[in-house]
Amino acid sequence: MEDYRVLSVDEAEILEGVQAAAERMLERSGLRRLLDMPATPWRPSHD
């Protein structure tokens, strides 16, 4: 940083940090189950 301007950014490091934060948020909120893929993406048209 120079004169309050960012001169370089390590995108990989930022993305890793954001991914870790998102994982923690999903665990704490109990919403991880929403990311689980069903066996089939389509529900049956009738039971």
Protein backbone atom coordinates (compact mmCIF):
# COMPACT_ATOMS: atom_id res chain seq x y z
CA MET A 1 0.00 0.00 0.00
CA GLU A 2 1.26 3.40 -0.89
CA ASP A 3 -0.49 6.71 -0.24
CA TYR A 4 -3.56 4.72 0.86
CA ARG A 5 -3.70 2.93 -2.49
CA VAL A 6 -3.51 -0.82 -2.86
CA LEU A 7 -0.70 -1.75 -5.21
CA SER A 8 -1.20 -5.51 -5.34
CA VAL A 9 -3.72 -8.10 -4.26
CA ASP A 10 -3.27 -11.83 -3.65
CA GLU A 11 -6.59 -13.05 -5.06
CA ALA A 12 -5.99 -16.67 -4.07
CA GLU A 13 -5.43 -15.70 -0.43
CA ILE A 14 -8.57 -13.56 -0.39
CA LEU A 15 -10.67 -16.31 -1.96
CA GLU A 16 -9.38 -18.86 0.55
CA GLY A 17 -10.31 -16.57 3.44
CA VAL A 18 -13.77 -15.91 2.04
CA GLN A 19 -14.35 -19.63 1.45
CA ALA A 20 -13.37 -20.44 5.04
CA ALA A 21 -15.67 -17.69 6.37
CA ALA A 22 -18.57 -18.98 4.25
CA GLU A 23 -18.00 -22.55 5.50
CA ARG A 24 -18.06 -21.36 9.14
CA MET A 25 -21.23 -19.34 8.50
CA LEU A 26 -23.00 -22.34 6.98
CA GLU A 27 -22.01 -24.57 9.90
CA ARG A 28 -23.08 -22.04 12.55
CA SER A 29 -26.40 -21.23 10.88
CA GLY A 30 -27.33 -24.84 10.17
CA LEU A 31 -27.87 -24.09 6.48
CA ARG A 32 -25.26 -26.53 5.14
CA ARG A 33 -28.09 -28.96 4.29
CA LEU A 34 -29.32 -26.53 1.63
CA LEU A 35 -26.15 -27.16 -0.39
CA ASP A 36 -26.63 -30.94 -0.45
CA MET A 37 -27.66 -32.14 -3.88
CA PRO A 38 -30.68 -34.44 -3.98
CA ALA A 39 -30.36 -37.85 -5.64
CA THR A 40 -32.32 -36.42 -8.55
CA PRO A 41 -32.86 -32.72 -9.24
CA TRP A 42 -36.50 -33.31 -10.16
CA ARG A 43 -39.30 -34.15 -7.79
CA PRO A 44 -41.76 -36.84 -8.88
CA SER A 45 -44.84 -35.48 -10.65
CA HIS A 46 -47.01 -37.69 -8.47
CA ASP A 47 -46.55 -39.92 -5.45
